[in-house]
Amino acid sequence: MPSVSHRPSASQTRRKRSDPFAFLLRLLLALLFWSLLSEGALSAWLLGLPACLLAAWLSLRLSPTPETADPMQSARLCLFALPSFLLYFVQASCVAGLDIARRTLDPKLPLHPSVFTYPTELSGLPLWCLMGVISLLPGTLSLNWQPNCLEIHCLDQPDKAAAELVQVENRIRRLFTLPLLQLPLLDRSRS
């Protein structure tokens, strides 16, 4: 059954932006920060108070509303999934490192370096984590990002690497409590 998302009305969005508690909280944080920067000097408050008021107001005005926010940008890290992810990452790094060492030491040198495009719907922090993990795993490197895809360099066949990247992406998705992928998606390949 598909989930139905509730989009707030324009009046609810205006209410969020005019929420006095949110403004006061941001103002207090700005005032605290200014106090730390100016070391509590009274002469600094002539400039600091208007700057803090402006910063708190701008912070509310420029914060994304629920209508414009990207769900990937608001993805939250699940701390309970972190130990499992770290264990997977260490294991995958060891297995890939041993595989690359075996291939490079083999006299036949069974390496198949290639560059391919890997499609992904991730964005924001989950995308940056995926790119980082891909680059840290031996045998793969994230070369370039374009909307909805990554350009990947690998030392193996693109279809094998893409299947492994689906596993990596699913681990990232679990880490951020996002829906999992079912099939490896391979756009195009070039050697």
N, C-alpha and C. Protein backbone atom coordinates (compact mmCIF):
# COMPACT_ATOMS: atom_id res chain seq x y z
N MET A 1 0.84 -1.18 0.00
CA MET A 1 0.00 0.00 0.00
C MET A 1 0.88 1.23 0.00
N PRO A 2 0.73 2.13 -0.98
CA PRO A 2 1.59 3.30 -1.04
C PRO A 2 1.34 4.24 0.13
N SER A 3 2.42 4.86 0.56
CA SER A 3 2.28 5.79 1.67
C SER A 3 1.82 7.15 1.15
N VAL A 4 1.01 7.80 1.92
CA VAL A 4 0.51 9.11 1.56
C VAL A 4 1.24 10.14 2.40
N SER A 5 1.84 11.11 1.72
CA SER A 5 2.54 12.14 2.47
C SER A 5 1.65 13.37 2.61
N HIS A 6 1.66 13.93 3.75
CA HIS A 6 0.87 15.12 4.02
C HIS A 6 1.73 16.35 3.74
N ARG A 7 1.29 17.17 2.84
CA ARG A 7 2.00 18.40 2.55
C ARG A 7 1.33 19.54 3.30
N PRO A 8 2.10 20.32 4.04
CA PRO A 8 1.49 21.41 4.78
C PRO A 8 0.97 22.50 3.86
N SER A 9 -0.07 23.16 4.31
CA SER A 9 -0.63 24.25 3.53
C SER A 9 0.27 25.47 3.65
N ALA A 10 -0.01 26.47 2.83
CA ALA A 10 0.79 27.69 2.85
C ALA A 10 0.69 28.38 4.21
N SER A 11 -0.49 28.31 4.85
CA SER A 11 -0.63 28.94 6.17
C SER A 11 0.21 28.21 7.21
N GLN A 12 0.31 26.86 7.10
CA GLN A 12 1.16 26.11 8.04
C GLN A 12 2.63 26.46 7.83
N THR A 13 3.03 26.65 6.57
CA THR A 13 4.41 27.02 6.27
C THR A 13 4.71 28.40 6.84
N ARG A 14 3.76 29.35 6.66
CA ARG A 14 3.96 30.69 7.22
C ARG A 14 4.05 30.63 8.74
N ARG A 15 3.21 29.77 9.34
CA ARG A 15 3.23 29.62 10.79
C ARG A 15 4.59 29.10 11.25
N LYS A 16 5.16 28.15 10.49
CA LYS A 16 6.47 27.61 10.85
C LYS A 16 7.52 28.72 10.81
N ARG A 17 7.44 29.57 9.78
CA ARG A 17 8.43 30.64 9.65
C ARG A 17 8.19 31.77 10.64
N SER A 18 6.98 31.87 11.19
CA SER A 18 6.72 32.93 12.15
C SER A 18 6.62 32.38 13.56
N ASP A 19 7.08 31.18 13.80
CA ASP A 19 7.05 30.55 15.10
C ASP A 19 7.96 31.31 16.07
N PRO A 20 7.41 31.94 17.11
CA PRO A 20 8.24 32.74 18.02
C PRO A 20 9.27 31.89 18.77
N PHE A 21 8.93 30.66 19.10
CA PHE A 21 9.89 29.82 19.82
C PHE A 21 11.11 29.53 18.95
N ALA A 22 10.89 29.22 17.67
CA ALA A 22 12.00 28.93 16.76
C ALA A 22 12.88 30.17 16.61
N PHE A 23 12.23 31.36 16.50
CA PHE A 23 13.00 32.59 16.37
C PHE A 23 13.81 32.86 17.64
N LEU A 24 13.19 32.71 18.81
CA LEU A 24 13.90 32.95 20.07
C LEU A 24 15.07 31.99 20.28
N LEU A 25 14.85 30.75 19.92
CA LEU A 25 15.93 29.76 20.06
C LEU A 25 17.11 30.13 19.17
N ARG A 26 16.83 30.51 17.93
CA ARG A 26 17.90 30.91 17.01
C ARG A 26 18.57 32.20 17.48
N LEU A 27 17.78 33.11 18.00
CA LEU A 27 18.34 34.36 18.50
C LEU A 27 19.25 34.09 19.70
N LEU A 28 18.81 33.25 20.63
CA LEU A 28 19.64 32.92 21.79
C LEU A 28 20.95 32.25 21.38
N LEU A 29 20.88 31.37 20.40
CA LEU A 29 22.11 30.73 19.92
C LEU A 29 23.04 31.75 19.27
N ALA A 30 22.48 32.67 18.49
CA ALA A 30 23.29 33.71 17.85
C ALA A 30 23.91 34.63 18.91
N LEU A 31 23.12 35.00 19.93
CA LEU A 31 23.64 35.86 20.99
C LEU A 31 24.75 35.17 21.78
N LEU A 32 24.57 33.90 22.05
CA LEU A 32 25.61 33.13 22.74
C LEU A 32 26.88 33.07 21.91
N PHE A 33 26.73 32.82 20.62
CA PHE A 33 27.88 32.77 19.73
C PHE A 33 28.59 34.12 19.68
N TRP A 34 27.79 35.21 19.58
CA TRP A 34 28.39 36.55 19.54
C TRP A 34 29.12 36.85 20.85
N SER A 35 28.52 36.45 21.95
CA SER A 35 29.16 36.68 23.25
C SER A 35 30.50 35.97 23.32
N LEU A 36 30.57 34.76 22.79
CA LEU A 36 31.84 34.03 22.78
C LEU A 36 32.85 34.70 21.86
N LEU A 37 32.38 35.17 20.71
CA LEU A 37 33.29 35.82 19.76
C LEU A 37 33.84 37.14 20.31
N SER A 38 32.96 37.91 20.95
CA SER A 38 33.37 39.23 21.43
C SER A 38 33.94 39.19 22.85
N GLU A 39 34.03 37.98 23.41
CA GLU A 39 34.54 37.79 24.77
C GLU A 39 33.79 38.63 25.79
N GLY A 40 32.49 38.84 25.54
CA GLY A 40 31.63 39.54 26.48
C GLY A 40 31.81 41.04 26.54
N ALA A 41 32.55 41.63 25.63
CA ALA A 41 32.78 43.08 25.64
C ALA A 41 31.48 43.82 25.36
N LEU A 42 31.12 44.76 26.25
CA LEU A 42 29.87 45.50 26.08
C LEU A 42 29.86 46.36 24.83
N SER A 43 31.01 46.88 24.44
CA SER A 43 31.08 47.73 23.25
C SER A 43 30.76 46.95 21.97
N ALA A 44 30.93 45.65 21.98
CA ALA A 44 30.67 44.84 20.79
C ALA A 44 29.19 44.63 20.55
N TRP A 45 28.35 44.87 21.57
CA TRP A 45 26.92 44.60 21.41
C TRP A 45 26.21 45.64 20.55
N LEU A 46 26.83 46.78 20.33
CA LEU A 46 26.24 47.79 19.45
C LEU A 46 26.09 47.22 18.04
N LEU A 47 27.07 46.49 17.60
CA LEU A 47 27.01 45.83 16.30
C LEU A 47 26.41 44.42 16.44
N GLY A 48 26.68 43.76 17.54
CA GLY A 48 26.29 42.36 17.71
C GLY A 48 24.81 42.12 17.81
N LEU A 49 24.09 42.97 18.55
CA LEU A 49 22.65 42.75 18.73
C LEU A 49 21.90 42.83 17.40
N PRO A 50 22.10 43.89 16.58
CA PRO A 50 21.42 43.89 15.27
C PRO A 50 21.85 42.72 14.38
N ALA A 51 23.13 42.36 14.44
CA ALA A 51 23.62 41.24 13.62
C ALA A 51 22.96 39.93 14.05
N CYS A 52 22.79 39.73 15.35
CA CYS A 52 22.15 38.51 15.85
C CYS A 52 20.67 38.47 15.47
N LEU A 53 19.99 39.61 15.57
CA LEU A 53 18.59 39.67 15.17
C LEU A 53 18.45 39.34 13.68
N LEU A 54 19.30 39.93 12.86
CA LEU A 54 19.27 39.67 11.42
C LEU A 54 19.59 38.21 11.13
N ALA A 55 20.57 37.65 11.80
CA ALA A 55 20.96 36.25 11.58
C ALA A 55 19.82 35.31 11.95
N ALA A 56 19.14 35.56 13.05
CA ALA A 56 18.03 34.70 13.47
C ALA A 56 16.88 34.79 12.47
N TRP A 57 16.58 36.00 12.01
CA TRP A 57 15.50 36.19 11.04
C TRP A 57 15.84 35.50 9.71
N LEU A 58 17.07 35.71 9.22
CA LEU A 58 17.49 35.08 7.97
C LEU A 58 17.50 33.56 8.08
N SER A 59 17.90 33.06 9.23
CA SER A 59 17.93 31.62 9.44
C SER A 59 16.53 31.02 9.28
N LEU A 60 15.53 31.70 9.81
CA LEU A 60 14.15 31.22 9.65
C LEU A 60 13.67 31.35 8.22
N ARG A 61 13.98 32.47 7.58
CA ARG A 61 13.52 32.72 6.21
C ARG A 61 14.14 31.76 5.20
N LEU A 62 15.41 31.42 5.41
CA LEU A 62 16.12 30.61 4.43
C LEU A 62 16.06 29.11 4.71
N SER A 63 15.50 28.72 5.85
CA SER A 63 15.41 27.28 6.13
C SER A 63 14.38 26.67 5.18
N PRO A 64 14.67 25.45 4.68
CA PRO A 64 13.74 24.84 3.72
C PRO A 64 12.41 24.51 4.38
N THR A 65 11.36 24.69 3.62
CA THR A 65 10.02 24.32 4.10
C THR A 65 9.78 22.87 3.74
N PRO A 66 8.82 22.22 4.37
CA PRO A 66 8.54 20.82 4.03
C PRO A 66 8.20 20.61 2.56
N GLU A 67 7.65 21.63 1.89
CA GLU A 67 7.30 21.48 0.48
C GLU A 67 8.53 21.46 -0.41
N THR A 68 9.59 22.19 -0.02
CA THR A 68 10.76 22.29 -0.88
C THR A 68 11.90 21.39 -0.44
N ALA A 69 11.79 20.79 0.72
CA ALA A 69 12.89 19.98 1.23
C ALA A 69 12.99 18.66 0.48
N ASP A 70 14.20 18.27 0.14
CA ASP A 70 14.48 16.99 -0.49
C ASP A 70 14.48 15.92 0.60
N PRO A 71 13.71 14.83 0.45
CA PRO A 71 13.68 13.81 1.50
C PRO A 71 15.07 13.23 1.77
N MET A 72 15.93 13.17 0.76
CA MET A 72 17.28 12.65 0.96
C MET A 72 18.11 13.62 1.82
N GLN A 73 17.84 14.92 1.67
CA GLN A 73 18.59 15.91 2.44
C GLN A 73 18.24 15.81 3.92
N SER A 74 17.02 15.38 4.21
CA SER A 74 16.60 15.30 5.60
C SER A 74 16.75 13.88 6.16
N ALA A 75 17.42 13.00 5.40
CA ALA A 75 17.63 11.63 5.88
C ALA A 75 18.47 11.66 7.16
N ARG A 76 18.06 10.87 8.11
CA ARG A 76 18.74 10.84 9.41
C ARG A 76 19.56 9.57 9.55
N LEU A 77 20.71 9.72 10.14
CA LEU A 77 21.59 8.59 10.40
C LEU A 77 21.00 7.76 11.53
N CYS A 78 20.88 6.45 11.31
CA CYS A 78 20.38 5.54 12.33
C CYS A 78 21.57 4.98 13.08
N LEU A 79 21.75 5.40 14.33
CA LEU A 79 22.92 4.98 15.10
C LEU A 79 22.91 3.49 15.39
N PHE A 80 21.74 2.87 15.44
CA PHE A 80 21.66 1.44 15.69
C PHE A 80 22.21 0.64 14.50
N ALA A 81 22.15 1.21 13.29
CA ALA A 81 22.65 0.52 12.10
C ALA A 81 24.15 0.75 11.89
N LEU A 82 24.74 1.69 12.64
CA LEU A 82 26.14 2.04 12.44
C LEU A 82 27.11 0.89 12.73
N PRO A 83 26.97 0.14 13.85
CA PRO A 83 27.91 -0.97 14.09
C PRO A 83 27.88 -2.02 12.97
N SER A 84 26.70 -2.35 12.49
CA SER A 84 26.57 -3.32 11.40
C SER A 84 27.24 -2.80 10.13
N PHE A 85 27.05 -1.50 9.85
CA PHE A 85 27.68 -0.91 8.67
C PHE A 85 29.20 -0.91 8.79
N LEU A 86 29.72 -0.55 9.95
CA LEU A 86 31.17 -0.53 10.14
C LEU A 86 31.76 -1.93 10.01
N LEU A 87 31.07 -2.91 10.54
CA LEU A 87 31.52 -4.30 10.40
C LEU A 87 31.54 -4.71 8.93
N TYR A 88 30.47 -4.37 8.20
CA TYR A 88 30.41 -4.66 6.77
C TYR A 88 31.55 -3.96 6.03
N PHE A 89 31.79 -2.70 6.35
CA PHE A 89 32.82 -1.93 5.65
C PHE A 89 34.21 -2.54 5.86
N VAL A 90 34.53 -2.91 7.10
CA VAL A 90 35.84 -3.52 7.38
C VAL A 90 35.96 -4.86 6.64
N GLN A 91 34.91 -5.67 6.68
CA GLN A 91 34.93 -6.95 5.98
C GLN A 91 35.08 -6.76 4.47
N ALA A 92 34.29 -5.86 3.89
CA ALA A 92 34.35 -5.61 2.45
C ALA A 92 35.72 -5.06 2.05
N SER A 93 36.31 -4.21 2.89
CA SER A 93 37.63 -3.66 2.60
C SER A 93 38.68 -4.76 2.58
N CYS A 94 38.62 -5.65 3.54
CA CYS A 94 39.59 -6.76 3.61
C CYS A 94 39.45 -7.69 2.42
N VAL A 95 38.22 -8.08 2.09
CA VAL A 95 37.98 -8.99 0.97
C VAL A 95 38.43 -8.34 -0.34
N ALA A 96 38.06 -7.08 -0.55
CA ALA A 96 38.45 -6.39 -1.78
C ALA A 96 39.96 -6.18 -1.84
N GLY A 97 40.56 -5.84 -0.72
CA GLY A 97 42.01 -5.65 -0.69
C GLY A 97 42.76 -6.93 -1.03
N LEU A 98 42.32 -8.06 -0.47
CA LEU A 98 42.95 -9.34 -0.78
C LEU A 98 42.75 -9.73 -2.25
N ASP A 99 41.55 -9.45 -2.78
CA ASP A 99 41.27 -9.74 -4.18
C ASP A 99 42.17 -8.92 -5.11
N ILE A 100 42.31 -7.62 -4.82
CA ILE A 100 43.16 -6.76 -5.64
C ILE A 100 44.62 -7.19 -5.53
N ALA A 101 45.07 -7.54 -4.33
CA ALA A 101 46.45 -8.01 -4.16
C ALA A 101 46.68 -9.29 -4.95
N ARG A 102 45.73 -10.21 -4.89
CA ARG A 102 45.86 -11.47 -5.65
C ARG A 102 45.93 -11.19 -7.15
N ARG A 103 45.08 -10.30 -7.64
CA ARG A 103 45.06 -9.98 -9.07
C ARG A 103 46.35 -9.30 -9.52
N THR A 104 46.85 -8.38 -8.72
CA THR A 104 48.07 -7.66 -9.14
C THR A 104 49.31 -8.53 -9.04
N LEU A 105 49.32 -9.53 -8.17
CA LEU A 105 50.48 -10.40 -8.03
C LEU A 105 50.42 -11.58 -9.00
N ASP A 106 49.29 -11.84 -9.61
CA ASP A 106 49.15 -12.92 -10.58
C ASP A 106 49.93 -12.54 -11.85
N PRO A 107 50.76 -13.46 -12.38
CA PRO A 107 51.54 -13.14 -13.59
C PRO A 107 50.65 -12.78 -14.80
N LYS A 108 49.44 -13.32 -14.85
CA LYS A 108 48.54 -13.01 -15.97
C LYS A 108 47.87 -11.65 -15.79
N LEU A 109 47.96 -11.08 -14.59
CA LEU A 109 47.37 -9.79 -14.26
C LEU A 109 45.90 -9.69 -14.72
N PRO A 110 45.00 -10.46 -14.07
CA PRO A 110 43.60 -10.48 -14.51
C PRO A 110 42.82 -9.23 -14.06
N LEU A 111 43.30 -8.08 -14.46
CA LEU A 111 42.61 -6.82 -14.16
C LEU A 111 41.86 -6.36 -15.40
N HIS A 112 40.70 -5.80 -15.20
CA HIS A 112 39.88 -5.29 -16.30
C HIS A 112 39.47 -3.85 -15.96
N PRO A 113 40.42 -2.91 -15.97
CA PRO A 113 40.05 -1.55 -15.59
C PRO A 113 39.00 -0.97 -16.55
N SER A 114 38.01 -0.36 -15.99
CA SER A 114 36.97 0.26 -16.80
C SER A 114 36.31 1.38 -16.03
N VAL A 115 35.62 2.20 -16.77
CA VAL A 115 34.84 3.31 -16.20
C VAL A 115 33.39 3.09 -16.64
N PHE A 116 32.47 3.18 -15.69
CA PHE A 116 31.07 3.01 -16.03
C PHE A 116 30.22 3.98 -15.22
N THR A 117 28.99 4.13 -15.65
CA THR A 117 28.04 5.02 -14.98
C THR A 117 27.12 4.18 -14.11
N TYR A 118 27.06 4.55 -12.84
CA TYR A 118 26.21 3.84 -11.89
C TYR A 118 25.06 4.76 -11.50
N PRO A 119 23.81 4.41 -11.84
CA PRO A 119 22.68 5.28 -11.49
C PRO A 119 22.32 5.15 -10.01
N THR A 120 22.00 6.26 -9.40
CA THR A 120 21.56 6.26 -8.01
C THR A 120 20.60 7.43 -7.79
N GLU A 121 19.63 7.21 -6.92
CA GLU A 121 18.68 8.26 -6.57
C GLU A 121 19.11 9.01 -5.31
N LEU A 122 20.20 8.59 -4.70
CA LEU A 122 20.65 9.22 -3.47
C LEU A 122 21.08 10.66 -3.72
N SER A 123 20.94 11.49 -2.71
CA SER A 123 21.44 12.86 -2.76
C SER A 123 21.77 13.27 -1.33
N GLY A 124 22.40 14.40 -1.19
CA GLY A 124 22.74 14.90 0.14
C GLY A 124 23.76 14.02 0.84
N LEU A 125 23.64 13.92 2.15
CA LEU A 125 24.59 13.16 2.96
C LEU A 125 24.66 11.68 2.57
N PRO A 126 23.54 11.00 2.29
CA PRO A 126 23.66 9.60 1.86
C PRO A 126 24.50 9.44 0.59
N LEU A 127 24.36 10.38 -0.36
CA LEU A 127 25.16 10.31 -1.59
C LEU A 127 26.64 10.50 -1.28
N TRP A 128 26.96 11.47 -0.43
CA TRP A 128 28.37 11.72 -0.09
C TRP A 128 28.96 10.52 0.64
N CYS A 129 28.18 9.88 1.48
CA CYS A 129 28.66 8.67 2.16
C CYS A 129 28.91 7.56 1.15
N LEU A 130 27.99 7.38 0.19
CA LEU A 130 28.17 6.36 -0.83
C LEU A 130 29.44 6.63 -1.63
N MET A 131 29.65 7.87 -2.05
CA MET A 131 30.84 8.20 -2.83
C MET A 131 32.11 7.96 -2.01
N GLY A 132 32.09 8.30 -0.75
CA GLY A 132 33.25 8.08 0.10
C GLY A 132 33.56 6.62 0.30
N VAL A 133 32.52 5.82 0.55
CA VAL A 133 32.72 4.39 0.76
C VAL A 133 33.23 3.73 -0.52
N ILE A 134 32.66 4.11 -1.66
CA ILE A 134 33.12 3.56 -2.94
C ILE A 134 34.60 3.86 -3.13
N SER A 135 35.01 5.08 -2.83
CA SER A 135 36.41 5.47 -3.03
C SER A 135 37.34 4.82 -2.01
N LEU A 136 36.84 4.48 -0.83
CA LEU A 136 37.67 3.85 0.19
C LEU A 136 37.82 2.35 0.00
N LEU A 137 36.87 1.72 -0.69
CA LEU A 137 36.98 0.29 -0.93
C LEU A 137 38.01 0.03 -2.02
N PRO A 138 38.92 -0.92 -1.80
CA PRO A 138 39.93 -1.22 -2.81
C PRO A 138 39.30 -1.68 -4.13
N GLY A 139 39.82 -1.17 -5.23
CA GLY A 139 39.36 -1.59 -6.55
C GLY A 139 38.30 -0.71 -7.16
N THR A 140 37.75 0.24 -6.42
CA THR A 140 36.74 1.15 -6.97
C THR A 140 37.08 2.58 -6.60
N LEU A 141 36.67 3.49 -7.46
CA LEU A 141 36.90 4.91 -7.21
C LEU A 141 35.75 5.70 -7.81
N SER A 142 35.18 6.59 -7.02
CA SER A 142 34.12 7.46 -7.50
C SER A 142 34.78 8.65 -8.20
N LEU A 143 34.60 8.76 -9.51
CA LEU A 143 35.29 9.78 -10.30
C LEU A 143 34.51 11.09 -10.41
N ASN A 144 33.21 10.97 -10.65
CA ASN A 144 32.43 12.15 -10.97
C ASN A 144 30.99 11.93 -10.55
N TRP A 145 30.33 13.00 -10.19
CA TRP A 145 28.92 12.95 -9.84
C TRP A 145 28.15 13.80 -10.84
N GLN A 146 27.06 13.25 -11.32
CA GLN A 146 26.11 13.98 -12.15
C GLN A 146 24.74 13.69 -11.55
N PRO A 147 23.75 14.53 -11.81
CA PRO A 147 22.44 14.25 -11.23
C PRO A 147 21.99 12.82 -11.56
N ASN A 148 21.66 12.07 -10.53
CA ASN A 148 21.14 10.70 -10.60
C ASN A 148 22.13 9.65 -11.08
N CYS A 149 23.44 9.96 -11.10
CA CYS A 149 24.40 8.91 -11.45
C CYS A 149 25.81 9.29 -10.99
N LEU A 150 26.61 8.25 -10.83
CA LEU A 150 28.02 8.41 -10.47
C LEU A 150 28.87 7.77 -11.56
N GLU A 151 29.99 8.38 -11.85
CA GLU A 151 30.95 7.78 -12.77
C GLU A 151 31.97 7.05 -11.90
N ILE A 152 32.13 5.75 -12.15
CA ILE A 152 32.94 4.89 -11.30
C ILE A 152 34.07 4.27 -12.11
N HIS A 153 35.27 4.26 -11.53
CA HIS A 153 36.40 3.52 -12.10
C HIS A 153 36.55 2.25 -11.27
N CYS A 154 36.69 1.12 -11.95
CA CYS A 154 36.84 -0.14 -11.23
C CYS A 154 37.91 -1.00 -11.90
N LEU A 155 38.43 -1.96 -11.17
CA LEU A 155 39.44 -2.87 -11.68
C LEU A 155 38.85 -4.23 -12.04
N ASP A 156 37.54 -4.32 -12.12
CA ASP A 156 36.85 -5.56 -12.43
C ASP A 156 35.84 -5.28 -13.55
N GLN A 157 35.10 -6.29 -13.95
CA GLN A 157 34.06 -6.13 -14.96
C GLN A 157 32.99 -5.17 -14.43
N PRO A 158 32.48 -4.26 -15.27
CA PRO A 158 31.47 -3.30 -14.78
C PRO A 158 30.23 -3.94 -14.17
N ASP A 159 29.75 -5.11 -14.76
CA ASP A 159 28.53 -5.70 -14.17
C ASP A 159 28.80 -6.26 -12.79
N LYS A 160 29.99 -6.85 -12.57
CA LYS A 160 30.33 -7.36 -11.24
C LYS A 160 30.46 -6.20 -10.25
N ALA A 161 31.13 -5.15 -10.69
CA ALA A 161 31.31 -3.99 -9.82
C ALA A 161 29.96 -3.34 -9.50
N ALA A 162 29.07 -3.26 -10.50
CA ALA A 162 27.75 -2.65 -10.27
C ALA A 162 26.95 -3.46 -9.28
N ALA A 163 27.03 -4.80 -9.37
CA ALA A 163 26.31 -5.65 -8.42
C ALA A 163 26.84 -5.43 -7.00
N GLU A 164 28.15 -5.26 -6.86
CA GLU A 164 28.73 -4.98 -5.54
C GLU A 164 28.33 -3.59 -5.05
N LEU A 165 28.22 -2.64 -5.98
CA LEU A 165 27.83 -1.28 -5.59
C LEU A 165 26.39 -1.23 -5.12
N VAL A 166 25.54 -2.09 -5.65
CA VAL A 166 24.16 -2.16 -5.16
C VAL A 166 24.17 -2.58 -3.70
N GLN A 167 25.03 -3.54 -3.35
CA GLN A 167 25.14 -3.97 -1.95
C GLN A 167 25.62 -2.81 -1.08
N VAL A 168 26.62 -2.07 -1.57
CA VAL A 168 27.14 -0.92 -0.81
C VAL A 168 26.04 0.12 -0.64
N GLU A 169 25.32 0.42 -1.74
CA GLU A 169 24.26 1.43 -1.65
C GLU A 169 23.16 0.98 -0.69
N ASN A 170 22.81 -0.31 -0.71
CA ASN A 170 21.79 -0.79 0.22
C ASN A 170 22.26 -0.67 1.67
N ARG A 171 23.54 -0.87 1.92
CA ARG A 171 24.07 -0.68 3.28
C ARG A 171 23.95 0.79 3.69
N ILE A 172 24.25 1.69 2.77
CA ILE A 172 24.11 3.13 3.05
C ILE A 172 22.63 3.46 3.28
N ARG A 173 21.77 2.89 2.47
CA ARG A 173 20.33 3.13 2.63
C ARG A 173 19.84 2.63 3.98
N ARG A 174 20.31 1.48 4.43
CA ARG A 174 19.94 0.99 5.77
C ARG A 174 20.43 1.94 6.85
N LEU A 175 21.64 2.46 6.64
CA LEU A 175 22.23 3.37 7.60
C LEU A 175 21.40 4.64 7.76
N PHE A 176 20.75 5.06 6.67
CA PHE A 176 19.93 6.28 6.71
C PHE A 176 18.43 5.97 6.67
N THR A 177 18.05 4.72 6.92
CA THR A 177 16.66 4.26 6.92
C THR A 177 15.90 4.68 5.66
N LEU A 178 16.50 4.42 4.50
CA LEU A 178 15.88 4.70 3.20
C LEU A 178 15.48 3.37 2.58
N PRO A 179 14.52 3.37 1.64
CA PRO A 179 14.11 2.11 1.01
C PRO A 179 15.27 1.46 0.25
N LEU A 180 15.32 0.14 0.26
CA LEU A 180 16.41 -0.60 -0.37
C LEU A 180 16.18 -0.80 -1.87
N LEU A 181 17.27 -0.99 -2.61
CA LEU A 181 17.21 -1.29 -4.04
C LEU A 181 17.01 -2.78 -4.24
N GLN A 182 16.41 -3.17 -5.35
CA GLN A 182 16.18 -4.58 -5.64
C GLN A 182 17.15 -5.13 -6.68
N LEU A 183 17.41 -4.37 -7.75
CA LEU A 183 18.21 -4.87 -8.86
C LEU A 183 19.41 -3.97 -9.11
N PRO A 184 20.52 -4.55 -9.58
CA PRO A 184 21.63 -3.69 -9.99
C PRO A 184 21.24 -2.95 -11.27
N LEU A 185 21.43 -1.66 -11.25
CA LEU A 185 21.08 -0.84 -12.40
C LEU A 185 22.36 -0.37 -13.08
N LEU A 186 22.58 -0.77 -14.29
CA LEU A 186 23.79 -0.39 -15.01
C LEU A 186 23.37 0.34 -16.27
N ASP A 187 23.69 1.61 -16.34
CA ASP A 187 23.30 2.44 -17.48
C ASP A 187 24.08 2.09 -18.74
N ARG A 188 25.37 2.37 -18.69
CA ARG A 188 26.20 2.13 -19.86
C ARG A 188 27.61 1.82 -19.39
N SER A 189 28.39 1.24 -20.24
CA SER A 189 29.75 0.87 -19.88
C SER A 189 30.69 1.34 -20.96
N ARG A 190 31.90 1.74 -20.52
CA ARG A 190 32.91 2.06 -21.51
C ARG A 190 34.27 1.67 -20.96
N SER A 191 35.12 1.19 -21.78
CA SER A 191 36.44 0.73 -21.32
C SER A 191 37.49 1.75 -21.64
